[in-house]
């Protein structure tokens, strides 16, 4: 891995499936920055997220989370990752508060005080059952839980897809604030350029399991407009 700053570093990540292949994905997200992963549905965004969360195994490649090699210490790497994913591991029949207490045990830096603070910051009720939340509130719940265990890396898979325009703006503003203050590395996947334009420093264009192009947001858009124009 060599010497690099903390944050998230991915080298030559590959995953073979019968019907899909993720090919040699490499990128780095330094602390305090947001990499937008732009691609259509089926381009491999969710596969990358699952690999980075440690929810599925890779065929090849290395993942470093805040200097920790995930291949050597999965538990330590995972304890520093927060996520908003489509298929999270929470208990639908339990209250938001109980979910936090149960899953918080896996994260050394989780505190009930922090959990309480983040639930209220996201406008959520402790006693609500997870299974009864709207899709938008589920996103906020996962985000609140992630933030309450002080992650070094945040994985957001299409987090704004189910939010109304007002909630979306609130969420993006909150995200920018925590990334800056907490020096968190964020991977934010979306098929919507508008969200990424508002928050991403860098963007990578993913298509059929490969990164086609990676650059700053501004460069991508001038190039993209040329292609379309």
C-alpha atoms as a PDB file:
ATOM      1  CA  UNK A   1       0.000   0.000   0.000  1.00  0.00           C
ATOM      2  CA  UNK A   2       2.913   2.396   0.589  1.00  0.00           C
ATOM      3  CA  UNK A   3       2.556   5.625   2.527  1.00  0.00           C
ATOM      4  CA  UNK A   4      -0.583   7.632   1.935  1.00  0.00           C
ATOM      5  CA  UNK A   5      -2.796   9.927   3.936  1.00  0.00           C
ATOM      6  CA  UNK A   6      -5.723   8.345   5.766  1.00  0.00           C
ATOM      7  CA  UNK A   7      -9.136   8.333   4.196  1.00  0.00           C
ATOM      8  CA  UNK A   8     -10.198   5.726   1.649  1.00  0.00           C
ATOM      9  CA  UNK A   9      -7.859   4.119  -0.854  1.00  0.00           C
ATOM     10  CA  UNK A  10      -8.886   1.462  -3.350  1.00  0.00           C
ATOM     11  CA  UNK A  11      -6.402  -0.387  -5.572  1.00  0.00           C
ATOM     12  CA  UNK A  12      -7.303  -2.691  -8.465  1.00  0.00           C
ATOM     13  CA  UNK A  13     -10.672  -3.730  -7.057  1.00  0.00           C
ATOM     14  CA  UNK A  14     -12.326  -6.478  -9.103  1.00  0.00           C
ATOM     15  CA  UNK A  15     -15.353  -8.696  -8.647  1.00  0.00           C
ATOM     16  CA  UNK A  16     -16.375 -11.454 -11.028  1.00  0.00           C
ATOM     17  CA  UNK A  17     -19.954 -12.629 -11.223  1.00  0.00           C
ATOM     18  CA  UNK A  18     -21.571 -14.695 -13.925  1.00  0.00           C
ATOM     19  CA  UNK A  19     -23.498 -11.775 -15.311  1.00  0.00           C
ATOM     20  CA  UNK A  20     -21.367  -8.843 -14.277  1.00  0.00           C
ATOM     21  CA  UNK A  21     -17.722  -7.973 -13.853  1.00  0.00           C
ATOM     22  CA  UNK A  22     -16.210  -5.083 -11.930  1.00  0.00           C
ATOM     23  CA  UNK A  23     -12.820  -4.435 -13.523  1.00  0.00           C
ATOM     24  CA  UNK A  24      -9.747  -3.015 -11.861  1.00  0.00           C
ATOM     25  CA  UNK A  25     -11.264  -0.085  -9.967  1.00  0.00           C
ATOM     26  CA  UNK A  26      -8.763   2.284  -8.310  1.00  0.00           C
ATOM     27  CA  UNK A  27      -9.333   5.637  -6.598  1.00  0.00           C
ATOM     28  CA  UNK A  28      -8.445   7.604  -3.506  1.00  0.00           C
ATOM     29  CA  UNK A  29     -10.646   9.850  -1.348  1.00  0.00           C
ATOM     30  CA  UNK A  30      -8.597  11.984   1.052  1.00  0.00           C
ATOM     31  CA  UNK A  31     -10.058  13.067   4.412  1.00  0.00           C
ATOM     32  CA  UNK A  32     -12.458  15.987   4.095  1.00  0.00           C
ATOM     33  CA  UNK A  33     -13.423  15.332   0.495  1.00  0.00           C
ATOM     34  CA  UNK A  34     -16.272  13.795  -1.478  1.00  0.00           C
ATOM     35  CA  UNK A  35     -15.853  11.577  -4.522  1.00  0.00           C
ATOM     36  CA  UNK A  36     -18.980  11.311  -6.648  1.00  0.00           C
ATOM     37  CA  UNK A  37     -19.478   7.985  -8.366  1.00  0.00           C
ATOM     38  CA  UNK A  38     -21.650   8.702 -11.371  1.00  0.00           C
ATOM     39  CA  UNK A  39     -23.254   5.921 -13.369  1.00  0.00           C
ATOM     40  CA  UNK A  40     -26.502   4.462 -14.631  1.00  0.00           C
ATOM     41  CA  UNK A  41     -28.278   1.722 -12.719  1.00  0.00           C
ATOM     42  CA  UNK A  42     -26.397  -1.516 -13.335  1.00  0.00           C
ATOM     43  CA  UNK A  43     -23.042   0.201 -13.883  1.00  0.00           C
ATOM     44  CA  UNK A  44     -21.566  -1.324 -10.722  1.00  0.00           C
ATOM     45  CA  UNK A  45     -22.047   1.452  -8.144  1.00  0.00           C
ATOM     46  CA  UNK A  46     -23.832  -0.751  -5.598  1.00  0.00           C
ATOM     47  CA  UNK A  47     -21.333  -3.590  -6.075  1.00  0.00           C
ATOM     48  CA  UNK A  48     -18.494  -1.196  -5.213  1.00  0.00           C
ATOM     49  CA  UNK A  49     -20.382   0.003  -2.120  1.00  0.00           C
ATOM     50  CA  UNK A  50     -20.990  -3.562  -0.897  1.00  0.00           C
ATOM     51  CA  UNK A  51     -17.324  -4.462  -1.382  1.00  0.00           C
ATOM     52  CA  UNK A  52     -16.174  -1.383   0.517  1.00  0.00           C
ATOM     53  CA  UNK A  53     -18.644  -2.005   3.341  1.00  0.00           C
ATOM     54  CA  UNK A  54     -17.258  -5.536   3.627  1.00  0.00           C
ATOM     55  CA  UNK A  55     -20.682  -7.040   2.879  1.00  0.00           C
ATOM     56  CA  UNK A  56     -19.419  -9.067  -0.048  1.00  0.00           C
ATOM     57  CA  UNK A  57     -16.010 -10.494  -0.931  1.00  0.00           C
ATOM     58  CA  UNK A  58     -13.802  -9.241  -3.734  1.00  0.00           C
ATOM     59  CA  UNK A  59     -12.023 -11.278  -6.397  1.00  0.00           C
ATOM     60  CA  UNK A  60      -8.928  -9.031  -6.409  1.00  0.00           C
ATOM     61  CA  UNK A  61      -7.639  -5.748  -5.094  1.00  0.00           C
ATOM     62  CA  UNK A  62      -6.931  -3.868  -1.880  1.00  0.00           C
ATOM     63  CA  UNK A  63      -9.043  -1.563   0.252  1.00  0.00           C
ATOM     64  CA  UNK A  64      -7.505   0.734   2.871  1.00  0.00           C
ATOM     65  CA  UNK A  65      -9.682   2.550   5.397  1.00  0.00           C
ATOM     66  CA  UNK A  66      -7.778   5.162   7.385  1.00  0.00           C
ATOM     67  CA  UNK A  67      -4.533   3.169   6.838  1.00  0.00           C
ATOM     68  CA  UNK A  68      -6.150  -0.137   7.819  1.00  0.00           C
ATOM     69  CA  UNK A  69      -5.909  -2.894   5.198  1.00  0.00           C
ATOM     70  CA  UNK A  70      -9.399  -4.406   5.012  1.00  0.00           C
ATOM     71  CA  UNK A  71      -7.964  -7.717   3.802  1.00  0.00           C
ATOM     72  CA  UNK A  72      -5.893  -8.012   6.988  1.00  0.00           C
ATOM     73  CA  UNK A  73      -8.289  -6.567   9.572  1.00  0.00           C
ATOM     74  CA  UNK A  74     -11.882  -6.518   8.380  1.00  0.00           C
ATOM     75  CA  UNK A  75     -13.386  -5.752  11.795  1.00  0.00           C
ATOM     76  CA  UNK A  76     -11.179  -2.730  12.458  1.00  0.00           C
ATOM     77  CA  UNK A  77     -11.729  -1.387   8.941  1.00  0.00           C
ATOM     78  CA  UNK A  78     -15.504  -1.842   9.199  1.00  0.00           C
ATOM     79  CA  UNK A  79     -15.649  -0.110  12.575  1.00  0.00           C
ATOM     80  CA  UNK A  80     -14.503   3.101  10.846  1.00  0.00           C
ATOM     81  CA  UNK A  81     -17.033   2.996   8.011  1.00  0.00           C
ATOM     82  CA  UNK A  82     -20.488   4.541   8.095  1.00  0.00           C
ATOM     83  CA  UNK A  83     -23.011   3.857   5.368  1.00  0.00           C
ATOM     84  CA  UNK A  84     -26.341   4.684   3.786  1.00  0.00           C
ATOM     85  CA  UNK A  85     -27.050   1.631   1.627  1.00  0.00           C
ATOM     86  CA  UNK A  86     -30.140   0.245  -0.015  1.00  0.00           C
ATOM     87  CA  UNK A  87     -30.032  -3.029   1.906  1.00  0.00           C
ATOM     88  CA  UNK A  88     -28.775  -2.179   5.389  1.00  0.00           C
ATOM     89  CA  UNK A  89     -28.595  -4.561   8.351  1.00  0.00           C
ATOM     90  CA  UNK A  90     -31.098  -3.120  10.790  1.00  0.00           C
ATOM     91  CA  UNK A  91     -34.116  -4.584  12.606  1.00  0.00           C
ATOM     92  CA  UNK A  92     -37.429  -3.461  11.140  1.00  0.00           C
ATOM     93  CA  UNK A  93     -39.555  -4.342  14.187  1.00  0.00           C
ATOM     94  CA  UNK A  94     -37.422  -2.373  16.664  1.00  0.00           C
ATOM     95  CA  UNK A  95     -37.497   1.327  17.470  1.00  0.00           C
ATOM     96  CA  UNK A  96     -34.860   3.663  16.075  1.00  0.00           C
ATOM     97  CA  UNK A  97     -33.377   4.028  19.563  1.00  0.00           C
ATOM     98  CA  UNK A  98     -33.122   0.250  20.087  1.00  0.00           C
ATOM     99  CA  UNK A  99     -31.565  -0.248  16.660  1.00  0.00           C
ATOM    100  CA  UNK A 100     -28.857   2.227  17.557  1.00  0.00           C
ATOM    101  CA  UNK A 101     -28.164   0.572  20.897  1.00  0.00           C
ATOM    102  CA  UNK A 102     -27.992  -2.920  19.372  1.00  0.00           C
ATOM    103  CA  UNK A 103     -25.793  -2.064  16.372  1.00  0.00           C
ATOM    104  CA  UNK A 104     -23.781   0.573  18.192  1.00  0.00           C
ATOM    105  CA  UNK A 105     -21.983  -2.237  20.038  1.00  0.00           C
ATOM    106  CA  UNK A 106     -20.042  -3.020  16.879  1.00  0.00           C
ATOM    107  CA  UNK A 107     -18.532   0.458  16.845  1.00  0.00           C
ATOM    108  CA  UNK A 108     -16.027   1.438  19.544  1.00  0.00           C
ATOM    109  CA  UNK A 109     -16.801   5.155  19.199  1.00  0.00           C
ATOM    110  CA  UNK A 110     -20.587   4.882  19.375  1.00  0.00           C
ATOM    111  CA  UNK A 111     -22.204   6.630  22.353  1.00  0.00           C
ATOM    112  CA  UNK A 112     -25.876   6.866  23.320  1.00  0.00           C
ATOM    113  CA  UNK A 113     -25.418  10.582  23.865  1.00  0.00           C
ATOM    114  CA  UNK A 114     -24.193  11.018  20.298  1.00  0.00           C
ATOM    115  CA  UNK A 115     -27.018   8.831  19.005  1.00  0.00           C
ATOM    116  CA  UNK A 116     -29.611  10.968  20.778  1.00  0.00           C
ATOM    117  CA  UNK A 117     -28.059  14.152  19.381  1.00  0.00           C
ATOM    118  CA  UNK A 118     -27.958  12.881  15.797  1.00  0.00           C
ATOM    119  CA  UNK A 119     -31.527  11.514  15.850  1.00  0.00           C
ATOM    120  CA  UNK A 120     -32.822  14.896  16.873  1.00  0.00           C
ATOM    121  CA  UNK A 121     -30.518  16.716  14.395  1.00  0.00           C
ATOM    122  CA  UNK A 122     -32.130  14.622  11.638  1.00  0.00           C
ATOM    123  CA  UNK A 123     -35.638  15.308  12.954  1.00  0.00           C
ATOM    124  CA  UNK A 124     -36.340  11.684  13.932  1.00  0.00           C
ATOM    125  CA  UNK A 125     -38.302  10.308  16.905  1.00  0.00           C
ATOM    126  CA  UNK A 126     -36.480   7.805  19.144  1.00  0.00           C
ATOM    127  CA  UNK A 127     -39.598   5.682  19.644  1.00  0.00           C
ATOM    128  CA  UNK A 128     -40.574   5.294  15.970  1.00  0.00           C
ATOM    129  CA  UNK A 129     -40.327   1.785  14.574  1.00  0.00           C
ATOM    130  CA  UNK A 130     -37.820   1.476  11.763  1.00  0.00           C
ATOM    131  CA  UNK A 131     -40.254  -0.534   9.624  1.00  0.00           C
ATOM    132  CA  UNK A 132     -42.744   2.328   9.637  1.00  0.00           C
ATOM    133  CA  UNK A 133     -40.423   5.064   8.384  1.00  0.00           C
ATOM    134  CA  UNK A 134     -40.793   6.661   4.964  1.00  0.00           C
ATOM    135  CA  UNK A 135     -37.970   6.041   2.508  1.00  0.00           C
ATOM    136  CA  UNK A 136     -36.642   9.546   3.080  1.00  0.00           C
ATOM    137  CA  UNK A 137     -36.580   9.100   6.851  1.00  0.00           C
ATOM    138  CA  UNK A 138     -34.816   5.748   6.475  1.00  0.00           C
ATOM    139  CA  UNK A 139     -31.977   7.557   4.727  1.00  0.00           C
ATOM    140  CA  UNK A 140     -31.817  10.074   7.583  1.00  0.00           C
ATOM    141  CA  UNK A 141     -31.886   7.240  10.132  1.00  0.00           C
ATOM    142  CA  UNK A 142     -28.904   5.497   8.527  1.00  0.00           C
ATOM    143  CA  UNK A 143     -27.053   8.789   8.243  1.00  0.00           C
ATOM    144  CA  UNK A 144     -27.735   9.655  11.910  1.00  0.00           C
ATOM    145  CA  UNK A 145     -26.510   6.226  13.011  1.00  0.00           C
ATOM    146  CA  UNK A 146     -23.386   6.462  10.856  1.00  0.00           C
ATOM    147  CA  UNK A 147     -22.503   9.880  12.251  1.00  0.00           C
ATOM    148  CA  UNK A 148     -23.020   8.766  15.832  1.00  0.00           C
ATOM    149  CA  UNK A 149     -20.144   6.284  15.608  1.00  0.00           C
ATOM    150  CA  UNK A 150     -17.669   8.848  14.189  1.00  0.00           C
ATOM    151  CA  UNK A 151     -16.750   7.184  10.880  1.00  0.00           C
ATOM    152  CA  UNK A 152     -13.585   8.031   8.959  1.00  0.00           C
ATOM    153  CA  UNK A 153     -15.230   6.903   5.728  1.00  0.00           C
ATOM    154  CA  UNK A 154     -18.851   7.373   4.674  1.00  0.00           C
ATOM    155  CA  UNK A 155     -20.425   5.300   1.879  1.00  0.00           C
ATOM    156  CA  UNK A 156     -23.597   6.787   0.425  1.00  0.00           C
ATOM    157  CA  UNK A 157     -25.395   4.743  -2.241  1.00  0.00           C
ATOM    158  CA  UNK A 158     -27.947   6.965  -4.030  1.00  0.00           C
ATOM    159  CA  UNK A 159     -28.842   8.615  -0.696  1.00  0.00           C
ATOM    160  CA  UNK A 160     -30.963  11.412  -2.146  1.00  0.00           C
ATOM    161  CA  UNK A 161     -33.048   9.273  -4.503  1.00  0.00           C
ATOM    162  CA  UNK A 162     -36.020   9.122  -2.125  1.00  0.00           C
ATOM    163  CA  UNK A 163     -35.828  12.613  -0.641  1.00  0.00           C
ATOM    164  CA  UNK A 164     -38.133  15.476  -1.567  1.00  0.00           C
ATOM    165  CA  UNK A 165     -36.383  18.683  -2.784  1.00  0.00           C
ATOM    166  CA  UNK A 166     -36.384  20.358   0.652  1.00  0.00           C
ATOM    167  CA  UNK A 167     -35.052  17.299   2.510  1.00  0.00           C
ATOM    168  CA  UNK A 168     -32.520  16.758  -0.237  1.00  0.00           C
ATOM    169  CA  UNK A 169     -31.123  20.266   0.155  1.00  0.00           C
ATOM    170  CA  UNK A 170     -31.012  19.858   3.964  1.00  0.00           C
ATOM    171  CA  UNK A 171     -29.261  16.515   3.648  1.00  0.00           C
ATOM    172  CA  UNK A 172     -26.612  17.818   1.219  1.00  0.00           C
ATOM    173  CA  UNK A 173     -25.933  20.847   3.424  1.00  0.00           C
ATOM    174  CA  UNK A 174     -25.577  18.671   6.517  1.00  0.00           C
ATOM    175  CA  UNK A 175     -23.276  16.339   4.603  1.00  0.00           C
ATOM    176  CA  UNK A 176     -20.974  19.166   3.491  1.00  0.00           C
ATOM    177  CA  UNK A 177     -20.755  20.424   7.057  1.00  0.00           C
ATOM    178  CA  UNK A 178     -19.870  17.078   8.673  1.00  0.00           C
ATOM    179  CA  UNK A 179     -17.326  16.194   5.975  1.00  0.00           C
ATOM    180  CA  UNK A 180     -15.498  19.452   6.505  1.00  0.00           C
ATOM    181  CA  UNK A 181     -15.656  19.431  10.300  1.00  0.00           C
ATOM    182  CA  UNK A 182     -14.906  15.757  10.779  1.00  0.00           C
ATOM    183  CA  UNK A 183     -12.395  15.332   7.966  1.00  0.00           C
ATOM    184  CA  UNK A 184     -14.403  12.384   6.655  1.00  0.00           C
ATOM    185  CA  UNK A 185     -13.809  10.718   3.274  1.00  0.00           C
ATOM    186  CA  UNK A 186     -17.073  10.262   1.391  1.00  0.00           C
ATOM    187  CA  UNK A 187     -17.981   8.088  -1.580  1.00  0.00           C
ATOM    188  CA  UNK A 188     -21.333   9.325  -2.901  1.00  0.00           C
ATOM    189  CA  UNK A 189     -22.912   7.358  -5.737  1.00  0.00           C
ATOM    190  CA  UNK A 190     -25.685   8.775  -7.858  1.00  0.00           C
ATOM    191  CA  UNK A 191     -27.171   8.702 -11.326  1.00  0.00           C
ATOM    192  CA  UNK A 192     -28.099  12.375 -10.849  1.00  0.00           C
ATOM    193  CA  UNK A 193     -25.463  14.915 -11.847  1.00  0.00           C
ATOM    194  CA  UNK A 194     -27.303  17.674  -9.964  1.00  0.00           C
ATOM    195  CA  UNK A 195     -26.559  16.235  -6.511  1.00  0.00           C
ATOM    196  CA  UNK A 196     -22.931  15.617  -7.287  1.00  0.00           C
ATOM    197  CA  UNK A 197     -22.516  19.107  -8.737  1.00  0.00           C
ATOM    198  CA  UNK A 198     -23.523  20.508  -5.359  1.00  0.00           C
ATOM    199  CA  UNK A 199     -21.224  18.444  -3.158  1.00  0.00           C
ATOM    200  CA  UNK A 200     -18.493  16.454  -4.944  1.00  0.00           C
ATOM    201  CA  UNK A 201     -14.872  17.644  -5.252  1.00  0.00           C
ATOM    202  CA  UNK A 202     -14.002  14.815  -7.620  1.00  0.00           C
ATOM    203  CA  UNK A 203     -16.143  12.627  -9.809  1.00  0.00           C
ATOM    204  CA  UNK A 204     -15.614   9.223 -11.394  1.00  0.00           C
ATOM    205  CA  UNK A 205     -17.747   8.046 -14.286  1.00  0.00           C
ATOM    206  CA  UNK A 206     -18.593   4.350 -14.018  1.00  0.00           C
ATOM    207  CA  UNK A 207     -19.938   2.292 -16.893  1.00  0.00           C
ATOM    208  CA  UNK A 208     -20.308  -1.508 -17.160  1.00  0.00           C
ATOM    209  CA  UNK A 209     -17.978  -2.136 -14.226  1.00  0.00           C
ATOM    210  CA  UNK A 210     -15.180   0.187 -15.331  1.00  0.00           C
ATOM    211  CA  UNK A 211     -14.181   3.727 -14.448  1.00  0.00           C
ATOM    212  CA  UNK A 212     -14.197   5.546 -17.765  1.00  0.00           C
ATOM    213  CA  UNK A 213     -13.106   8.923 -16.586  1.00  0.00           C
ATOM    214  CA  UNK A 214     -12.152  10.565 -13.335  1.00  0.00           C
ATOM    215  CA  UNK A 215     -11.500  14.233 -12.651  1.00  0.00           C
ATOM    216  CA  UNK A 216     -12.728  17.310 -10.866  1.00  0.00           C
ATOM    217  CA  UNK A 217     -16.422  18.106 -11.174  1.00  0.00           C
ATOM    218  CA  UNK A 218     -15.851  21.193 -13.335  1.00  0.00           C
ATOM    219  CA  UNK A 219     -13.601  19.403 -15.816  1.00  0.00           C
ATOM    220  CA  UNK A 220     -16.090  16.578 -16.203  1.00  0.00           C
ATOM    221  CA  UNK A 221     -18.924  18.941 -16.991  1.00  0.00           C
ATOM    222  CA  UNK A 222     -17.054  20.957 -19.593  1.00  0.00           C
ATOM    223  CA  UNK A 223     -16.025  17.689 -21.233  1.00  0.00           C
ATOM    224  CA  UNK A 224     -19.500  16.194 -20.877  1.00  0.00           C
ATOM    225  CA  UNK A 225     -21.101  19.267 -22.447  1.00  0.00           C
ATOM    226  CA  UNK A 226     -18.696  19.020 -25.366  1.00  0.00           C
ATOM    227  CA  UNK A 227     -19.639  15.395 -25.918  1.00  0.00           C
ATOM    228  CA  UNK A 228     -23.352  16.162 -25.729  1.00  0.00           C
ATOM    229  CA  UNK A 229     -23.100  19.391 -27.734  1.00  0.00           C
END
